[in-house]
Amino acid sequence: MDLETRESNATGGLVCAHHHLYSALARGMPAPPRTPRTFREILELVWWRLDRALDLEMLEWSAKLAALEAIESGTTAIIDHHESPN
């Protein structure tokens, strides 16, 4: 729904139907021990290593950061895909 007035426009919030909120923690991570060459190696050398390191507090803060960044860009609804072992 768009709302138009003489002075401004307002648009309903955006929806992100596929997100990994914990990926906000990946910024600043050390590089993997070697450059991944396949999707599976990316999972093994980057994402699954991060998954194993996560604890409840890290998950909470990553979700808060990702939610704030989403709101700043106009996204008001997020579907998260999370499955770390912790």
C-alpha atoms as a PDB file:
ATOM      1  CA  MET A   1       0.000   0.000   0.000  1.00  0.00           C
ATOM      2  CA  ASP A   2       1.333   3.421  -0.907  1.00  0.00           C
ATOM      3  CA  LEU A   3       0.163   6.547   0.831  1.00  0.00           C
ATOM      4  CA  GLU A   4       0.628   9.801  -1.038  1.00  0.00           C
ATOM      5  CA  THR A   5       0.265  13.289   0.338  1.00  0.00           C
ATOM      6  CA  ARG A   6       1.239  16.619  -1.139  1.00  0.00           C
ATOM      7  CA  GLU A   7       4.507  16.653   0.785  1.00  0.00           C
ATOM      8  CA  SER A   8       5.669  13.044   0.940  1.00  0.00           C
ATOM      9  CA  ASN A   9       5.097   9.431   0.011  1.00  0.00           C
ATOM     10  CA  ALA A  10       4.908   6.476   2.382  1.00  0.00           C
ATOM     11  CA  THR A  11       5.270   2.857   1.333  1.00  0.00           C
ATOM     12  CA  GLY A  12       4.518  -0.256   3.361  1.00  0.00           C
ATOM     13  CA  GLY A  13       7.459  -2.145   4.845  1.00  0.00           C
ATOM     14  CA  LEU A  14       9.480  -4.596   2.794  1.00  0.00           C
ATOM     15  CA  VAL A  15       9.563  -8.338   3.545  1.00  0.00           C
ATOM     16  CA  CYS A  16      12.748 -10.412   3.519  1.00  0.00           C
ATOM     17  CA  ALA A  17      11.677 -14.027   2.996  1.00  0.00           C
ATOM     18  CA  HIS A  18      15.159 -15.562   3.324  1.00  0.00           C
ATOM     19  CA  HIS A  19      17.736 -14.314   5.800  1.00  0.00           C
ATOM     20  CA  HIS A  20      20.457 -15.694   8.031  1.00  0.00           C
ATOM     21  CA  LEU A  21      20.493 -13.177  10.877  1.00  0.00           C
ATOM     22  CA  TYR A  22      23.674 -14.586  12.374  1.00  0.00           C
ATOM     23  CA  SER A  23      25.540 -13.680   9.166  1.00  0.00           C
ATOM     24  CA  ALA A  24      25.839 -10.168  10.612  1.00  0.00           C
ATOM     25  CA  LEU A  25      28.655 -11.682  12.692  1.00  0.00           C
ATOM     26  CA  ALA A  26      30.606 -12.743   9.604  1.00  0.00           C
ATOM     27  CA  ARG A  27      31.860  -9.222   8.955  1.00  0.00           C
ATOM     28  CA  GLY A  28      35.333  -8.964  10.376  1.00  0.00           C
ATOM     29  CA  MET A  29      35.773 -12.727  10.690  1.00  0.00           C
ATOM     30  CA  PRO A  30      39.265 -13.976   9.928  1.00  0.00           C
ATOM     31  CA  ALA A  31      39.695 -15.398   6.447  1.00  0.00           C
ATOM     32  CA  PRO A  32      39.365 -19.180   6.147  1.00  0.00           C
ATOM     33  CA  PRO A  33      42.595 -21.199   6.233  1.00  0.00           C
ATOM     34  CA  ARG A  34      42.409 -21.590   2.443  1.00  0.00           C
ATOM     35  CA  THR A  35      40.253 -20.093  -0.295  1.00  0.00           C
ATOM     36  CA  PRO A  36      37.056 -22.117  -0.771  1.00  0.00           C
ATOM     37  CA  ARG A  37      36.610 -23.419  -4.321  1.00  0.00           C
ATOM     38  CA  THR A  38      33.117 -24.935  -4.080  1.00  0.00           C
ATOM     39  CA  PHE A  39      29.878 -24.132  -2.317  1.00  0.00           C
ATOM     40  CA  ARG A  40      30.466 -27.045   0.047  1.00  0.00           C
ATOM     41  CA  GLU A  41      33.913 -25.672   0.939  1.00  0.00           C
ATOM     42  CA  ILE A  42      32.357 -22.270   1.648  1.00  0.00           C
ATOM     43  CA  LEU A  43      29.975 -23.999   4.056  1.00  0.00           C
ATOM     44  CA  GLU A  44      32.748 -26.048   5.667  1.00  0.00           C
ATOM     45  CA  LEU A  45      35.398 -23.322   5.915  1.00  0.00           C
ATOM     46  CA  VAL A  46      33.204 -20.325   6.735  1.00  0.00           C
ATOM     47  CA  TRP A  47      29.580 -20.873   7.723  1.00  0.00           C
ATOM     48  CA  TRP A  48      29.742 -24.186   9.574  1.00  0.00           C
ATOM     49  CA  ARG A  49      32.745 -22.947  11.573  1.00  0.00           C
ATOM     50  CA  LEU A  50      30.700 -19.918  12.605  1.00  0.00           C
ATOM     51  CA  ASP A  51      27.677 -22.134  13.388  1.00  0.00           C
ATOM     52  CA  ARG A  52      29.728 -24.216  15.813  1.00  0.00           C
ATOM     53  CA  ALA A  53      31.092 -21.130  17.584  1.00  0.00           C
ATOM     54  CA  LEU A  54      27.713 -19.473  18.220  1.00  0.00           C
ATOM     55  CA  ASP A  55      26.224 -19.279  21.678  1.00  0.00           C
ATOM     56  CA  LEU A  56      22.897 -17.833  22.830  1.00  0.00           C
ATOM     57  CA  GLU A  57      24.291 -14.354  23.530  1.00  0.00           C
ATOM     58  CA  MET A  58      25.959 -14.153  20.113  1.00  0.00           C
ATOM     59  CA  LEU A  59      22.719 -15.236  18.443  1.00  0.00           C
ATOM     60  CA  GLU A  60      20.778 -12.588  20.339  1.00  0.00           C
ATOM     61  CA  TRP A  61      23.175  -9.780  19.388  1.00  0.00           C
ATOM     62  CA  SER A  62      23.421 -10.862  15.759  1.00  0.00           C
ATOM     63  CA  ALA A  63      19.617 -10.879  15.500  1.00  0.00           C
ATOM     64  CA  LYS A  64      19.416  -7.400  17.035  1.00  0.00           C
ATOM     65  CA  LEU A  65      22.048  -6.047  14.641  1.00  0.00           C
ATOM     66  CA  ALA A  66      20.451  -7.643  11.581  1.00  0.00           C
ATOM     67  CA  ALA A  67      16.993  -6.405  12.627  1.00  0.00           C
ATOM     68  CA  LEU A  68      18.292  -2.858  13.060  1.00  0.00           C
ATOM     69  CA  GLU A  69      19.955  -2.962   9.643  1.00  0.00           C
ATOM     70  CA  ALA A  70      16.742  -4.315   8.098  1.00  0.00           C
ATOM     71  CA  ILE A  71      14.633  -1.565   9.649  1.00  0.00           C
ATOM     72  CA  GLU A  72      17.088   1.070   8.434  1.00  0.00           C
ATOM     73  CA  SER A  73      16.557  -0.181   4.873  1.00  0.00           C
ATOM     74  CA  GLY A  74      12.760  -0.393   5.146  1.00  0.00           C
ATOM     75  CA  THR A  75      12.373  -4.101   5.885  1.00  0.00           C
ATOM     76  CA  THR A  76       9.792  -4.740   8.590  1.00  0.00           C
ATOM     77  CA  ALA A  77       9.354  -8.534   8.368  1.00  0.00           C
ATOM     78  CA  ILE A  78      12.075 -11.207   8.213  1.00  0.00           C
ATOM     79  CA  ILE A  79      12.010 -14.981   7.836  1.00  0.00           C
ATOM     80  CA  ASP A  80      15.226 -16.336   9.341  1.00  0.00           C
ATOM     81  CA  HIS A  81      16.864 -19.643   8.443  1.00  0.00           C
ATOM     82  CA  HIS A  82      18.850 -20.711  11.477  1.00  0.00           C
ATOM     83  CA  GLU A  83      20.077 -24.150  12.404  1.00  0.00           C
ATOM     84  CA  SER A  84      23.324 -23.939  14.321  1.00  0.00           C
ATOM     85  CA  PRO A  85      23.915 -26.818  16.736  1.00  0.00           C
ATOM     86  CA  ASN A  86      23.876 -24.496  19.737  1.00  0.00           C
END
